[in-house]
Amino acid sequence: MQIVPGEVTDVELYGGATGSISQCTVIDAEGPFIYSWSDGNGEADRNNLRAGVYVLTVTDQSTEGTAEFSYTVRENGPLTVDTPGTITNSAFRSKTGSIGPAQVSGGSSLYTFAWRDDASLTSSTRSDLAKGTYVLIIDDTIGSTQLLYEYIVEDFEPLSIVKAGFVTQNQVYGGTTASIADSEFGGGNGNYQVTWADDESIDTHGRADLGSGEYTLVLRDTCGSAPVTFTFTVEDPEPITVVKQGIVQPSFGNAIGSVGFAQIQGGNGHYIFRWSDNAAIFTANRTDLEEGEYTMYITDTAEAMECAVDYVVPKYDEIKVFPGATKPTIGLGSSNGIIFASTVTGGSGLFEYIWGDMEDSVEMTFRQGLTYGHYVLNIIDTETGQTVAANFSIKQQKKPDQIRYGRRIPSYSREYVHHID
């Protein structure tokens, strides 16, 4: 004898008892038959079954022969979120987070979605989310037990430049060798994007071959964090300049002239010197010089642009006149004014003195018996021909000394006035 299986109806809802087994047929036997199920039931057809395995044994009463068949009643699984989908956290205090899509199994496989915070949304995918908790409500078309799935969207720390890159400054004025090392970043989602305000095509974290100026780094990330900027300043050293030239001493017709140390600023402070008349001399000062022109060129160990300083070593010092004092005339129309002797330095020391109101030269710079007026003393170096003039003014005192109220009042001023061209 043999059992021809009947129709099996599976359980539709998980945990339900709606399964059935019907229309079992026995062949190659006469009957009557006795039906016996593994769960103790003795009916030929079964209803209200839960999911499981049911074994049917049929006995032929006339022959006592038996046949056996195993039935499996299945059921739809419970609603389950197999893969919740990707959670993308939001930028700091922004709405850039996202969820999904979710992969769901169980039930009828025809699912509906809603969200606790917004029931109008019918997709398992969300975007433009701020930090918070979001609950996805999942149903199917057969009335499976509703599934709630909770998502937590965090926000990232604010985007920040944790440590700005070190700036290596230019070594020379006008140079283009400065650089900015890579900076350290923090916050955001870690996918950093760098641009530079002066050239947005540059996306490197550091920079090289820079001239002086300001360079602004703009930091972004891929989750929409607020951009952060940092401005680096590249500076040049000051150009090499001579603040004060060295003191020049004359040669006096022999090779004894000299140029003293100059006061220099700018560059890196490590100066290198050369001279126009002798490339083998590298000192900042010179001695044993003859009368003539000399140029000192200054650079530094960073090869800054040269600074040139011109010196003229004269044969003699420049002539200087220190005019003598003057004494005014006493009385109107009198001729008793005095110009005291002047001091003359520099030059060869061989001088000729000619007064502007006299035709011939004199040996002295002292004059007396002068009337009120202006006088010019011309001093001529008889070796070099250099001429220097000194101007004097003789004032006039109108009244002689008088006795007034018991004390003497001087009749002329003691104020000596002189002028130098």
Foldseek 3Di string as FASTA:
>chain_A
DEKDFFDWDAAQEPPWQFIKGDDIDDPPADDDKWKAKPVGDTDPIDGSHHFDKIKIWIAGVVVRDIYIDIDTHHYWDAKDFPAFADWAAAAVVWQFIKTDDTDIGTHPPAKWKAKPVGRVDTGSIDGSHHFDKIWIWMDHDPGYDIDIDIDGHHYKDAKDFPFWFDWDADQAAFFQFIKGDATHIDIDPPAKWKAKPVGRVDTDRMGGRHDFDKIKIWIDHDRDHDIDIDIDTHDHKAAKDFPAWFDWAAQLQFQFIKGGATHIDTGPPAKWKAKPVDRVDTDRMDGSHHFAKIKMWMDHPSRYDIDIDIDGHHNKDDKDKAWAFKWAAFAPPFQFIWTAFIDIDMDNPAKWKDKPVDDHTDDTRIDGSHHFAKIKIWIARPPPRDIFIWIAGHHYQHHQWDQDPHDIDHRTDPHTDIGGD
